[in-house]
Amino acid sequence: MRKRLAFAVLGFVVLSTAGCYHAIIETGRPPAPETVEILWANSFVYGIVPPPLTDVSTQCPNGVSRVETQHSFLNGLVAGITFGIYTPMQINVTCAQGGGVGSAAISFEELAARLTGTVAAPDR
């Protein structure tokens, strides 16, 4: 009986921490070498309550080229230990190069709207 319980618990832990969430948003601007990494962005209830918006306008004065969000193994482990109540995620932002802005470039507000799933009116 103990062996079955141990296998059941091990199976639950393996299955609940096996998946990794990964999303990439590209704005169309050429990337610069500067990046901003947030290893523990706080989200809750399996990500239903998203982390607060990250303002990187001081680190990326020319805008953002790429935003990548993911759950690392440690983020998933913490989410599993807290039964999904606290679900941290990792956010990597690649700054955009200065100079000309391509036709596919978007503003910080529009990028934030895309990340949060809200609809923003274009300012063009």
PDB file of N, CA and C in Angstrom:
ATOM      1  N   MET A   1       0.817  -1.189   0.000  1.00  0.00           N
ATOM      2  CA  MET A   1       0.000   0.000   0.000  1.00  0.00           C
ATOM      3  C   MET A   1       0.874   1.273   0.000  1.00  0.00           C
ATOM      4  N   ARG A   2       1.929   1.251   0.790  1.00  0.00           N
ATOM      5  CA  ARG A   2       2.822   2.417   0.833  1.00  0.00           C
ATOM      6  C   ARG A   2       3.516   2.643  -0.506  1.00  0.00           C
ATOM      7  N   LYS A   3       3.845   1.539  -1.169  1.00  0.00           N
ATOM      8  CA  LYS A   3       4.512   1.642  -2.455  1.00  0.00           C
ATOM      9  C   LYS A   3       3.591   2.303  -3.478  1.00  0.00           C
ATOM     10  N   ARG A   4       2.324   1.944  -3.470  1.00  0.00           N
ATOM     11  CA  ARG A   4       1.358   2.562  -4.377  1.00  0.00           C
ATOM     12  C   ARG A   4       1.205   4.046  -4.086  1.00  0.00           C
ATOM     13  N   LEU A   5       1.128   4.395  -2.837  1.00  0.00           N
ATOM     14  CA  LEU A   5       0.990   5.799  -2.453  1.00  0.00           C
ATOM     15  C   LEU A   5       2.226   6.589  -2.881  1.00  0.00           C
ATOM     16  N   ALA A   6       3.404   6.017  -2.699  1.00  0.00           N
ATOM     17  CA  ALA A   6       4.640   6.690  -3.102  1.00  0.00           C
ATOM     18  C   ALA A   6       4.673   6.895  -4.613  1.00  0.00           C
ATOM     19  N   PHE A   7       4.267   5.879  -5.379  1.00  0.00           N
ATOM     20  CA  PHE A   7       4.224   6.022  -6.832  1.00  0.00           C
ATOM     21  C   PHE A   7       3.177   7.045  -7.263  1.00  0.00           C
ATOM     22  N   ALA A   8       2.055   7.085  -6.574  1.00  0.00           N
ATOM     23  CA  ALA A   8       1.004   8.058  -6.905  1.00  0.00           C
ATOM     24  C   ALA A   8       1.496   9.482  -6.647  1.00  0.00           C
ATOM     25  N   VAL A   9       2.149   9.700  -5.530  1.00  0.00           N
ATOM     26  CA  VAL A   9       2.674  11.029  -5.208  1.00  0.00           C
ATOM     27  C   VAL A   9       3.773  11.407  -6.195  1.00  0.00           C
ATOM     28  N   LEU A  10       4.656  10.485  -6.502  1.00  0.00           N
ATOM     29  CA  LEU A  10       5.725  10.747  -7.469  1.00  0.00           C
ATOM     30  C   LEU A  10       5.138  11.062  -8.849  1.00  0.00           C
ATOM     31  N   GLY A  11       4.141  10.308  -9.266  1.00  0.00           N
ATOM     32  CA  GLY A  11       3.488  10.566 -10.543  1.00  0.00           C
ATOM     33  C   GLY A  11       2.821  11.924 -10.584  1.00  0.00           C
ATOM     34  N   PHE A  12       2.172  12.316  -9.482  1.00  0.00           N
ATOM     35  CA  PHE A  12       1.536  13.632  -9.407  1.00  0.00           C
ATOM     36  C   PHE A  12       2.571  14.744  -9.521  1.00  0.00           C
ATOM     37  N   VAL A  13       3.672  14.614  -8.812  1.00  0.00           N
ATOM     38  CA  VAL A  13       4.715  15.637  -8.847  1.00  0.00           C
ATOM     39  C   VAL A  13       5.324  15.739 -10.248  1.00  0.00           C
ATOM     40  N   VAL A  14       5.594  14.609 -10.876  1.00  0.00           N
ATOM     41  CA  VAL A  14       6.193  14.614 -12.209  1.00  0.00           C
ATOM     42  C   VAL A  14       5.243  15.245 -13.213  1.00  0.00           C
ATOM     43  N   LEU A  15       3.978  14.868 -13.186  1.00  0.00           N
ATOM     44  CA  LEU A  15       3.015  15.399 -14.143  1.00  0.00           C
ATOM     45  C   LEU A  15       2.697  16.870 -13.910  1.00  0.00           C
ATOM     46  N   SER A  16       2.659  17.298 -12.664  1.00  0.00           N
ATOM     47  CA  SER A  16       2.306  18.687 -12.394  1.00  0.00           C
ATOM     48  C   SER A  16       3.454  19.658 -12.651  1.00  0.00           C
ATOM     49  N   THR A  17       4.680  19.186 -12.693  1.00  0.00           N
ATOM     50  CA  THR A  17       5.810  20.075 -12.949  1.00  0.00           C
ATOM     51  C   THR A  17       6.469  19.821 -14.299  1.00  0.00           C
ATOM     52  N   ALA A  18       5.860  18.989 -15.141  1.00  0.00           N
ATOM     53  CA  ALA A  18       6.500  18.610 -16.403  1.00  0.00           C
ATOM     54  C   ALA A  18       6.365  19.686 -17.475  1.00  0.00           C
ATOM     55  N   GLY A  19       5.275  20.401 -17.523  1.00  0.00           N
ATOM     56  CA  GLY A  19       5.036  21.365 -18.597  1.00  0.00           C
ATOM     57  C   GLY A  19       5.692  22.700 -18.332  1.00  0.00           C
ATOM     58  N   CYS A  20       6.084  23.348 -19.401  1.00  0.00           N
ATOM     59  CA  CYS A  20       6.658  24.681 -19.302  1.00  0.00           C
ATOM     60  C   CYS A  20       5.897  25.606 -20.247  1.00  0.00           C
ATOM     61  N   TYR A  21       5.485  26.734 -19.748  1.00  0.00           N
ATOM     62  CA  TYR A  21       4.771  27.726 -20.534  1.00  0.00           C
ATOM     63  C   TYR A  21       5.786  28.651 -21.162  1.00  0.00           C
ATOM     64  N   HIS A  22       5.600  28.983 -22.449  1.00  0.00           N
ATOM     65  CA  HIS A  22       6.554  29.828 -23.138  1.00  0.00           C
ATOM     66  C   HIS A  22       5.820  30.626 -24.206  1.00  0.00           C
ATOM     67  N   ALA A  23       5.924  31.946 -24.168  1.00  0.00           N
ATOM     68  CA  ALA A  23       5.298  32.802 -25.177  1.00  0.00           C
ATOM     69  C   ALA A  23       6.296  33.865 -25.612  1.00  0.00           C
ATOM     70  N   ILE A  24       6.290  34.183 -26.914  1.00  0.00           N
ATOM     71  CA  ILE A  24       7.189  35.199 -27.471  1.00  0.00           C
ATOM     72  C   ILE A  24       6.357  36.196 -28.265  1.00  0.00           C
ATOM     73  N   ILE A  25       6.598  37.474 -28.021  1.00  0.00           N
ATOM     74  CA  ILE A  25       5.956  38.542 -28.781  1.00  0.00           C
ATOM     75  C   ILE A  25       7.060  39.385 -29.406  1.00  0.00           C
ATOM     76  N   GLU A  26       7.032  39.513 -30.715  1.00  0.00           N
ATOM     77  CA  GLU A  26       8.013  40.328 -31.436  1.00  0.00           C
ATOM     78  C   GLU A  26       7.304  41.544 -32.014  1.00  0.00           C
ATOM     79  N   THR A  27       7.946  42.713 -31.889  1.00  0.00           N
ATOM     80  CA  THR A  27       7.318  43.954 -32.330  1.00  0.00           C
ATOM     81  C   THR A  27       7.689  44.349 -33.747  1.00  0.00           C
ATOM     82  N   GLY A  28       8.708  43.731 -34.324  1.00  0.00           N
ATOM     83  CA  GLY A  28       9.137  44.089 -35.662  1.00  0.00           C
ATOM     84  C   GLY A  28      10.321  45.042 -35.686  1.00  0.00           C
ATOM     85  N   ARG A  29      10.727  45.531 -34.551  1.00  0.00           N
ATOM     86  CA  ARG A  29      11.899  46.409 -34.479  1.00  0.00           C
ATOM     87  C   ARG A  29      13.159  45.564 -34.403  1.00  0.00           C
ATOM     88  N   PRO A  30      14.269  46.056 -34.944  1.00  0.00           N
ATOM     89  CA  PRO A  30      15.522  45.298 -34.853  1.00  0.00           C
ATOM     90  C   PRO A  30      16.024  45.255 -33.401  1.00  0.00           C
ATOM     91  N   PRO A  31      16.524  44.104 -32.952  1.00  0.00           N
ATOM     92  CA  PRO A  31      16.964  43.974 -31.559  1.00  0.00           C
ATOM     93  C   PRO A  31      18.284  44.670 -31.281  1.00  0.00           C
ATOM     94  N   ALA A  32      18.417  45.158 -30.073  1.00  0.00           N
ATOM     95  CA  ALA A  32      19.667  45.737 -29.571  1.00  0.00           C
ATOM     96  C   ALA A  32      20.289  44.729 -28.604  1.00  0.00           C
ATOM     97  N   PRO A  33      21.541  44.903 -28.241  1.00  0.00           N
ATOM     98  CA  PRO A  33      22.168  43.950 -27.314  1.00  0.00           C
ATOM     99  C   PRO A  33      21.643  44.058 -25.873  1.00  0.00           C
ATOM    100  N   GLU A  34      20.978  45.165 -25.520  1.00  0.00           N
ATOM    101  CA  GLU A  34      20.502  45.334 -24.147  1.00  0.00           C
ATOM    102  C   GLU A  34      19.270  44.461 -23.900  1.00  0.00           C
ATOM    103  N   THR A  35      19.269  43.765 -22.762  1.00  0.00           N
ATOM    104  CA  THR A  35      18.116  42.963 -22.356  1.00  0.00           C
ATOM    105  C   THR A  35      17.785  43.252 -20.899  1.00  0.00           C
ATOM    106  N   VAL A  36      16.537  43.024 -20.555  1.00  0.00           N
ATOM    107  CA  VAL A  36      16.063  43.148 -19.179  1.00  0.00           C
ATOM    108  C   VAL A  36      15.493  41.796 -18.789  1.00  0.00           C
ATOM    109  N   GLU A  37      15.983  41.223 -17.691  1.00  0.00           N
ATOM    110  CA  GLU A  37      15.514  39.914 -17.236  1.00  0.00           C
ATOM    111  C   GLU A  37      14.849  40.053 -15.877  1.00  0.00           C
ATOM    112  N   ILE A  38      13.654  39.526 -15.788  1.00  0.00           N
ATOM    113  CA  ILE A  38      12.932  39.458 -14.519  1.00  0.00           C
ATOM    114  C   ILE A  38      12.711  37.973 -14.249  1.00  0.00           C
ATOM    115  N   LEU A  39      13.436  37.428 -13.291  1.00  0.00           N
ATOM    116  CA  LEU A  39      13.408  35.993 -13.056  1.00  0.00           C
ATOM    117  C   LEU A  39      12.177  35.542 -12.269  1.00  0.00           C
ATOM    118  N   TRP A  40      11.614  36.423 -11.437  1.00  0.00           N
ATOM    119  CA  TRP A  40      10.478  36.049 -10.600  1.00  0.00           C
ATOM    120  C   TRP A  40       9.402  37.130 -10.676  1.00  0.00           C
ATOM    121  N   ALA A  41       8.627  37.129 -11.746  1.00  0.00           N
ATOM    122  CA  ALA A  41       7.482  38.035 -11.857  1.00  0.00           C
ATOM    123  C   ALA A  41       6.303  37.356 -11.164  1.00  0.00           C
ATOM    124  N   ASN A  42       5.675  38.055 -10.242  1.00  0.00           N
ATOM    125  CA  ASN A  42       4.644  37.463  -9.394  1.00  0.00           C
ATOM    126  C   ASN A  42       3.292  37.386 -10.098  1.00  0.00           C
ATOM    127  N   SER A  43       2.782  36.163 -10.281  1.00  0.00           N
ATOM    128  CA  SER A  43       1.416  35.969 -10.742  1.00  0.00           C
ATOM    129  C   SER A  43       0.768  34.946  -9.812  1.00  0.00           C
ATOM    130  N   PHE A  44      -0.544  34.902  -9.840  1.00  0.00           N
ATOM    131  CA  PHE A  44      -1.271  34.077  -8.881  1.00  0.00           C
ATOM    132  C   PHE A  44      -2.360  33.268  -9.571  1.00  0.00           C
ATOM    133  N   VAL A  45      -2.818  32.230  -8.902  1.00  0.00           N
ATOM    134  CA  VAL A  45      -3.913  31.354  -9.315  1.00  0.00           C
ATOM    135  C   VAL A  45      -3.676  30.836 -10.740  1.00  0.00           C
ATOM    136  N   TYR A  46      -2.602  30.095 -10.904  1.00  0.00           N
ATOM    137  CA  TYR A  46      -2.228  29.490 -12.187  1.00  0.00           C
ATOM    138  C   TYR A  46      -2.071  30.519 -13.297  1.00  0.00           C
ATOM    139  N   GLY A  47      -1.723  31.750 -12.967  1.00  0.00           N
ATOM    140  CA  GLY A  47      -1.510  32.786 -13.967  1.00  0.00           C
ATOM    141  C   GLY A  47      -2.761  33.556 -14.329  1.00  0.00           C
ATOM    142  N   ILE A  48      -3.903  33.235 -13.707  1.00  0.00           N
ATOM    143  CA  ILE A  48      -5.128  33.995 -13.988  1.00  0.00           C
ATOM    144  C   ILE A  48      -4.958  35.443 -13.565  1.00  0.00           C
ATOM    145  N   VAL A  49      -4.291  35.656 -12.437  1.00  0.00           N
ATOM    146  CA  VAL A  49      -3.940  37.012 -12.002  1.00  0.00           C
ATOM    147  C   VAL A  49      -2.520  37.250 -12.503  1.00  0.00           C
ATOM    148  N   PRO A  50      -2.358  38.023 -13.597  1.00  0.00           N
ATOM    149  CA  PRO A  50      -1.039  38.170 -14.213  1.00  0.00           C
ATOM    150  C   PRO A  50      -0.116  39.057 -13.388  1.00  0.00           C
ATOM    151  N   PRO A  51       1.181  39.003 -13.679  1.00  0.00           N
ATOM    152  CA  PRO A  51       2.112  39.896 -12.989  1.00  0.00           C
ATOM    153  C   PRO A  51       1.842  41.342 -13.395  1.00  0.00           C
ATOM    154  N   PRO A  52       2.241  42.297 -12.560  1.00  0.00           N
ATOM    155  CA  PRO A  52       2.050  43.702 -12.933  1.00  0.00           C
ATOM    156  C   PRO A  52       2.853  44.051 -14.172  1.00  0.00           C
ATOM    157  N   LEU A  53       2.397  45.063 -14.898  1.00  0.00           N
ATOM    158  CA  LEU A  53       3.116  45.503 -16.092  1.00  0.00           C
ATOM    159  C   LEU A  53       4.518  45.961 -15.722  1.00  0.00           C
ATOM    160  N   THR A  54       5.457  45.638 -16.566  1.00  0.00           N
ATOM    161  CA  THR A  54       6.847  46.003 -16.344  1.00  0.00           C
ATOM    162  C   THR A  54       7.196  47.157 -17.272  1.00  0.00           C
ATOM    163  N   ASP A  55       7.526  48.304 -16.696  1.00  0.00           N
ATOM    164  CA  ASP A  55       7.900  49.471 -17.500  1.00  0.00           C
ATOM    165  C   ASP A  55       9.412  49.448 -17.695  1.00  0.00           C
ATOM    166  N   VAL A  56       9.839  49.179 -18.918  1.00  0.00           N
ATOM    167  CA  VAL A  56      11.265  49.113 -19.239  1.00  0.00           C
ATOM    168  C   VAL A  56      11.686  50.305 -20.088  1.00  0.00           C
ATOM    169  N   SER A  57      10.898  51.379 -20.063  1.00  0.00           N
ATOM    170  CA  SER A  57      11.199  52.532 -20.915  1.00  0.00           C
ATOM    171  C   SER A  57      12.512  53.205 -20.531  1.00  0.00           C
ATOM    172  N   THR A  58      12.935  53.100 -19.270  1.00  0.00           N
ATOM    173  CA  THR A  58      14.219  53.694 -18.894  1.00  0.00           C
ATOM    174  C   THR A  58      15.387  52.839 -19.373  1.00  0.00           C
ATOM    175  N   GLN A  59      15.231  51.495 -19.334  1.00  0.00           N
ATOM    176  CA  GLN A  59      16.294  50.613 -19.813  1.00  0.00           C
ATOM    177  C   GLN A  59      16.298  50.510 -21.343  1.00  0.00           C
ATOM    178  N   CYS A  60      15.141  50.699 -21.959  1.00  0.00           N
ATOM    179  CA  CYS A  60      15.005  50.580 -23.421  1.00  0.00           C
ATOM    180  C   CYS A  60      14.427  51.886 -23.971  1.00  0.00           C
ATOM    181  N   PRO A  61      15.242  52.937 -24.087  1.00  0.00           N
ATOM    182  CA  PRO A  61      14.715  54.228 -24.534  1.00  0.00           C
ATOM    183  C   PRO A  61      14.220  54.217 -25.978  1.00  0.00           C
ATOM    184  N   ASN A  62      14.669  53.255 -26.786  1.00  0.00           N
ATOM    185  CA  ASN A  62      14.234  53.169 -28.187  1.00  0.00           C
ATOM    186  C   ASN A  62      13.077  52.206 -28.392  1.00  0.00           C
ATOM    187  N   GLY A  63      12.531  51.698 -27.316  1.00  0.00           N
ATOM    188  CA  GLY A  63      11.411  50.771 -27.412  1.00  0.00           C
ATOM    189  C   GLY A  63      11.843  49.331 -27.209  1.00  0.00           C
ATOM    190  N   VAL A  64      10.901  48.440 -27.480  1.00  0.00           N
ATOM    191  CA  VAL A  64      11.094  47.018 -27.234  1.00  0.00           C
ATOM    192  C   VAL A  64      11.074  46.267 -28.557  1.00  0.00           C
ATOM    193  N   SER A  65      11.981  45.306 -28.709  1.00  0.00           N
ATOM    194  CA  SER A  65      12.020  44.465 -29.893  1.00  0.00           C
ATOM    195  C   SER A  65      11.300  43.140 -29.661  1.00  0.00           C
ATOM    196  N   ARG A  66      11.486  42.569 -28.470  1.00  0.00           N
ATOM    197  CA  ARG A  66      10.953  41.231 -28.205  1.00  0.00           C
ATOM    198  C   ARG A  66      10.678  41.067 -26.721  1.00  0.00           C
ATOM    199  N   VAL A  67       9.562  40.405 -26.394  1.00  0.00           N
ATOM    200  CA  VAL A  67       9.222  40.055 -25.017  1.00  0.00           C
ATOM    201  C   VAL A  67       8.986  38.555 -24.976  1.00  0.00           C
ATOM    202  N   GLU A  68       9.645  37.897 -24.047  1.00  0.00           N
ATOM    203  CA  GLU A  68       9.534  36.452 -23.907  1.00  0.00           C
ATOM    204  C   GLU A  68       9.133  36.138 -22.470  1.00  0.00           C
ATOM    205  N   THR A  69       8.045  35.404 -22.305  1.00  0.00           N
ATOM    206  CA  THR A  69       7.623  34.982 -20.971  1.00  0.00           C
ATOM    207  C   THR A  69       7.669  33.465 -20.915  1.00  0.00           C
ATOM    208  N   GLN A  70       8.066  32.948 -19.770  1.00  0.00           N
ATOM    209  CA  GLN A  70       8.137  31.497 -19.613  1.00  0.00           C
ATOM    210  C   GLN A  70       8.097  31.118 -18.143  1.00  0.00           C
ATOM    211  N   HIS A  71       7.754  29.877 -17.911  1.00  0.00           N
ATOM    212  CA  HIS A  71       7.836  29.295 -16.574  1.00  0.00           C
ATOM    213  C   HIS A  71       9.043  28.370 -16.579  1.00  0.00           C
ATOM    214  N   SER A  72      10.054  28.727 -15.809  1.00  0.00           N
ATOM    215  CA  SER A  72      11.232  27.868 -15.710  1.00  0.00           C
ATOM    216  C   SER A  72      10.895  26.672 -14.812  1.00  0.00           C
ATOM    217  N   PHE A  73      11.820  25.754 -14.711  1.00  0.00           N
ATOM    218  CA  PHE A  73      11.604  24.595 -13.855  1.00  0.00           C
ATOM    219  C   PHE A  73      11.369  25.031 -12.412  1.00  0.00           C
ATOM    220  N   LEU A  74      12.194  25.974 -11.923  1.00  0.00           N
ATOM    221  CA  LEU A  74      12.018  26.427 -10.538  1.00  0.00           C
ATOM    222  C   LEU A  74      10.696  27.164 -10.346  1.00  0.00           C
ATOM    223  N   ASN A  75      10.277  27.960 -11.365  1.00  0.00           N
ATOM    224  CA  ASN A  75       8.976  28.619 -11.282  1.00  0.00           C
ATOM    225  C   ASN A  75       7.865  27.579 -11.174  1.00  0.00           C
ATOM    226  N   GLY A  76       7.946  26.528 -11.987  1.00  0.00           N
ATOM    227  CA  GLY A  76       6.941  25.461 -11.939  1.00  0.00           C
ATOM    228  C   GLY A  76       6.970  24.690 -10.641  1.00  0.00           C
ATOM    229  N   LEU A  77       8.153  24.497 -10.098  1.00  0.00           N
ATOM    230  CA  LEU A  77       8.277  23.795  -8.825  1.00  0.00           C
ATOM    231  C   LEU A  77       7.605  24.590  -7.708  1.00  0.00           C
ATOM    232  N   VAL A  78       7.851  25.891  -7.683  1.00  0.00           N
ATOM    233  CA  VAL A  78       7.211  26.743  -6.666  1.00  0.00           C
ATOM    234  C   VAL A  78       5.702  26.752  -6.860  1.00  0.00           C
ATOM    235  N   ALA A  79       5.251  26.811  -8.111  1.00  0.00           N
ATOM    236  CA  ALA A  79       3.810  26.766  -8.375  1.00  0.00           C
ATOM    237  C   ALA A  79       3.219  25.443  -7.907  1.00  0.00           C
ATOM    238  N   GLY A  80       3.937  24.348  -8.109  1.00  0.00           N
ATOM    239  CA  GLY A  80       3.454  23.046  -7.648  1.00  0.00           C
ATOM    240  C   GLY A  80       3.404  22.943  -6.138  1.00  0.00           C
ATOM    241  N   ILE A  81       4.415  23.487  -5.462  1.00  0.00           N
ATOM    242  CA  ILE A  81       4.455  23.439  -3.997  1.00  0.00           C
ATOM    243  C   ILE A  81       3.302  24.248  -3.399  1.00  0.00           C
ATOM    244  N   THR A  82       2.954  25.364  -4.042  1.00  0.00           N
ATOM    245  CA  THR A  82       1.864  26.215  -3.529  1.00  0.00           C
ATOM    246  C   THR A  82       0.516  25.851  -4.150  1.00  0.00           C
ATOM    247  N   PHE A  83       0.468  24.713  -4.863  1.00  0.00           N
ATOM    248  CA  PHE A  83      -0.761  24.246  -5.519  1.00  0.00           C
ATOM    249  C   PHE A  83      -1.329  25.295  -6.464  1.00  0.00           C
ATOM    250  N   GLY A  84      -0.455  26.052  -7.125  1.00  0.00           N
ATOM    251  CA  GLY A  84      -0.869  27.023  -8.125  1.00  0.00           C
ATOM    252  C   GLY A  84      -1.344  28.348  -7.592  1.00  0.00           C
ATOM    253  N   ILE A  85      -1.337  28.520  -6.284  1.00  0.00           N
ATOM    254  CA  ILE A  85      -1.777  29.807  -5.727  1.00  0.00           C
ATOM    255  C   ILE A  85      -0.779  30.894  -6.111  1.00  0.00           C
ATOM    256  N   TYR A  86       0.505  30.613  -5.964  1.00  0.00           N
ATOM    257  CA  TYR A  86       1.559  31.534  -6.391  1.00  0.00           C
ATOM    258  C   TYR A  86       2.223  30.912  -7.610  1.00  0.00           C
ATOM    259  N   THR A  87       2.157  31.582  -8.758  1.00  0.00           N
ATOM    260  CA  THR A  87       2.676  31.048 -10.013  1.00  0.00           C
ATOM    261  C   THR A  87       3.660  32.041 -10.618  1.00  0.00           C
ATOM    262  N   PRO A  88       4.915  32.037 -10.184  1.00  0.00           N
ATOM    263  CA  PRO A  88       5.877  32.996 -10.735  1.00  0.00           C
ATOM    264  C   PRO A  88       6.227  32.661 -12.175  1.00  0.00           C
ATOM    265  N   MET A  89       6.686  33.668 -12.906  1.00  0.00           N
ATOM    266  CA  MET A  89       7.143  33.449 -14.275  1.00  0.00           C
ATOM    267  C   MET A  89       8.373  34.305 -14.537  1.00  0.00           C
ATOM    268  N   GLN A  90       9.095  33.948 -15.568  1.00  0.00           N
ATOM    269  CA  GLN A  90      10.300  34.668 -15.983  1.00  0.00           C
ATOM    270  C   GLN A  90       9.954  35.505 -17.203  1.00  0.00           C
ATOM    271  N   ILE A  91      10.386  36.768 -17.210  1.00  0.00           N
ATOM    272  CA  ILE A  91      10.140  37.669 -18.337  1.00  0.00           C
ATOM    273  C   ILE A  91      11.483  38.178 -18.841  1.00  0.00           C
ATOM    274  N   ASN A  92      11.737  38.020 -20.142  1.00  0.00           N
ATOM    275  CA  ASN A  92      12.942  38.533 -20.787  1.00  0.00           C
ATOM    276  C   ASN A  92      12.525  39.540 -21.844  1.00  0.00           C
ATOM    277  N   VAL A  93      13.041  40.764 -21.744  1.00  0.00           N
ATOM    278  CA  VAL A  93      12.724  41.828 -22.693  1.00  0.00           C
ATOM    279  C   VAL A  93      13.997  42.184 -23.448  1.00  0.00           C
ATOM    280  N   THR A  94      13.926  42.183 -24.774  1.00  0.00           N
ATOM    281  CA  THR A  94      15.040  42.606 -25.618  1.00  0.00           C
ATOM    282  C   THR A  94      14.729  44.004 -26.122  1.00  0.00           C
ATOM    283  N   CYS A  95      15.618  44.941 -25.864  1.00  0.00           N
ATOM    284  CA  CYS A  95      15.413  46.320 -26.287  1.00  0.00           C
ATOM    285  C   CYS A  95      15.559  46.436 -27.804  1.00  0.00           C
ATOM    286  N   ALA A  96      15.008  47.515 -28.353  1.00  0.00           N
ATOM    287  CA  ALA A  96      15.100  47.781 -29.792  1.00  0.00           C
ATOM    288  C   ALA A  96      16.270  48.715 -30.064  1.00  0.00           C
ATOM    289  N   GLN A  97      16.817  48.600 -31.262  1.00  0.00           N
ATOM    290  CA  GLN A  97      17.892  49.493 -31.680  1.00  0.00           C
ATOM    291  C   GLN A  97      17.328  50.880 -31.947  1.00  0.00           C
ATOM    292  N   GLY A  98      18.196  51.867 -31.839  1.00  0.00           N
ATOM    293  CA  GLY A  98      17.801  53.235 -32.157  1.00  0.00           C
ATOM    294  C   GLY A  98      17.759  53.453 -33.650  1.00  0.00           C
ATOM    295  N   GLY A  99      17.342  54.632 -34.033  1.00  0.00           N
ATOM    296  CA  GLY A  99      17.303  54.940 -35.466  1.00  0.00           C
ATOM    297  C   GLY A  99      15.904  54.836 -36.013  1.00  0.00           C
ATOM    298  N   GLY A 100      15.815  54.434 -37.263  1.00  0.00           N
ATOM    299  CA  GLY A 100      14.530  54.371 -37.952  1.00  0.00           C
ATOM    300  C   GLY A 100      13.609  53.340 -37.348  1.00  0.00           C
ATOM    301  N   VAL A 101      12.342  53.660 -37.356  1.00  0.00           N
ATOM    302  CA  VAL A 101      11.329  52.768 -36.830  1.00  0.00           C
ATOM    303  C   VAL A 101      10.614  52.140 -38.011  1.00  0.00           C
ATOM    304  N   GLY A 102      10.562  50.816 -38.032  1.00  0.00           N
ATOM    305  CA  GLY A 102       9.904  50.116 -39.127  1.00  0.00           C
ATOM    306  C   GLY A 102       8.396  50.277 -39.069  1.00  0.00           C
ATOM    307  N   SER A 103       7.723  49.890 -40.139  1.00  0.00           N
ATOM    308  CA  SER A 103       6.279  50.036 -40.207  1.00  0.00           C
ATOM    309  C   SER A 103       5.561  49.095 -39.252  1.00  0.00           C
ATOM    310  N   ALA A 104       6.242  48.033 -38.804  1.00  0.00           N
ATOM    311  CA  ALA A 104       5.608  47.074 -37.907  1.00  0.00           C
ATOM    312  C   ALA A 104       5.844  47.428 -36.438  1.00  0.00           C
ATOM    313  N   ALA A 105       6.498  48.543 -36.161  1.00  0.00           N
ATOM    314  CA  ALA A 105       6.802  48.900 -34.791  1.00  0.00           C
ATOM    315  C   ALA A 105       5.536  49.309 -34.051  1.00  0.00           C
ATOM    316  N   ILE A 106       5.485  48.980 -32.741  1.00  0.00           N
ATOM    317  CA  ILE A 106       4.332  49.335 -31.933  1.00  0.00           C
ATOM    318  C   ILE A 106       4.806  50.080 -30.700  1.00  0.00           C
ATOM    319  N   SER A 107       3.887  50.795 -30.068  1.00  0.00           N
ATOM    320  CA  SER A 107       4.217  51.554 -28.868  1.00  0.00           C
ATOM    321  C   SER A 107       4.233  50.634 -27.651  1.00  0.00           C
ATOM    322  N   PHE A 108       4.770  51.144 -26.541  1.00  0.00           N
ATOM    323  CA  PHE A 108       4.807  50.378 -25.300  1.00  0.00           C
ATOM    324  C   PHE A 108       3.394  50.066 -24.834  1.00  0.00           C
ATOM    325  N   GLU A 109       2.475  51.023 -24.978  1.00  0.00           N
ATOM    326  CA  GLU A 109       1.093  50.820 -24.541  1.00  0.00           C
ATOM    327  C   GLU A 109       0.424  49.714 -25.356  1.00  0.00           C
ATOM    328  N   GLU A 110       0.688  49.686 -26.662  1.00  0.00           N
ATOM    329  CA  GLU A 110       0.093  48.648 -27.508  1.00  0.00           C
ATOM    330  C   GLU A 110       0.682  47.283 -27.173  1.00  0.00           C
ATOM    331  N   LEU A 111       1.983  47.236 -26.884  1.00  0.00           N
ATOM    332  CA  LEU A 111       2.608  45.982 -26.492  1.00  0.00           C
ATOM    333  C   LEU A 111       2.012  45.489 -25.179  1.00  0.00           C
ATOM    334  N   ALA A 112       1.830  46.387 -24.213  1.00  0.00           N
ATOM    335  CA  ALA A 112       1.222  46.013 -22.930  1.00  0.00           C
ATOM    336  C   ALA A 112      -0.189  45.492 -23.151  1.00  0.00           C
ATOM    337  N   ALA A 113      -0.933  46.115 -24.052  1.00  0.00           N
ATOM    338  CA  ALA A 113      -2.292  45.662 -24.338  1.00  0.00           C
ATOM    339  C   ALA A 113      -2.274  44.261 -24.947  1.00  0.00           C
ATOM    340  N   ARG A 114      -1.306  43.978 -25.813  1.00  0.00           N
ATOM    341  CA  ARG A 114      -1.203  42.646 -26.403  1.00  0.00           C
ATOM    342  C   ARG A 114      -0.860  41.603 -25.351  1.00  0.00           C
ATOM    343  N   LEU A 115       0.022  41.968 -24.411  1.00  0.00           N
ATOM    344  CA  LEU A 115       0.422  41.018 -23.376  1.00  0.00           C
ATOM    345  C   LEU A 115      -0.717  40.716 -22.414  1.00  0.00           C
ATOM    346  N   THR A 116      -1.523  41.708 -22.100  1.00  0.00           N
ATOM    347  CA  THR A 116      -2.607  41.509 -21.138  1.00  0.00           C
ATOM    348  C   THR A 116      -3.896  41.057 -21.793  1.00  0.00           C
ATOM    349  N   GLY A 117      -3.945  41.083 -23.121  1.00  0.00           N
ATOM    350  CA  GLY A 117      -5.132  40.631 -23.813  1.00  0.00           C
ATOM    351  C   GLY A 117      -6.216  41.684 -23.941  1.00  0.00           C
ATOM    352  N   THR A 118      -5.912  42.927 -23.598  1.00  0.00           N
ATOM    353  CA  THR A 118      -6.900  43.996 -23.756  1.00  0.00           C
ATOM    354  C   THR A 118      -6.751  44.627 -25.134  1.00  0.00           C
ATOM    355  N   VAL A 119      -7.794  45.298 -25.570  1.00  0.00           N
ATOM    356  CA  VAL A 119      -7.774  45.909 -26.881  1.00  0.00           C
ATOM    357  C   VAL A 119      -7.379  47.371 -26.737  1.00  0.00           C
ATOM    358  N   ALA A 120      -6.401  47.796 -27.500  1.00  0.00           N
ATOM    359  CA  ALA A 120      -5.959  49.193 -27.459  1.00  0.00           C
ATOM    360  C   ALA A 120      -6.151  49.796 -28.831  1.00  0.00           C
ATOM    361  N   ALA A 121      -6.607  51.028 -28.858  1.00  0.00           N
ATOM    362  CA  ALA A 121      -6.764  51.717 -30.126  1.00  0.00           C
ATOM    363  C   ALA A 121      -5.395  52.152 -30.620  1.00  0.00           C
ATOM    364  N   PRO A 122      -5.084  51.908 -31.893  1.00  0.00           N
ATOM    365  CA  PRO A 122      -3.777  52.338 -32.410  1.00  0.00           C
ATOM    366  C   PRO A 122      -3.676  53.845 -32.451  1.00  0.00           C
ATOM    367  N   ASP A 123      -2.486  54.387 -32.148  1.00  0.00           N
ATOM    368  CA  ASP A 123      -2.286  55.841 -32.139  1.00  0.00           C
ATOM    369  C   ASP A 123      -1.713  56.322 -33.461  1.00  0.00           C
ATOM    370  N   ARG A 124      -1.859  55.588 -34.511  1.00  0.00           N
ATOM    371  CA  ARG A 124      -1.358  56.026 -35.805  1.00  0.00           C
ATOM    372  C   ARG A 124      -2.476  56.560 -36.639  1.00  0.00           C
TER     373      ARG A 124
END
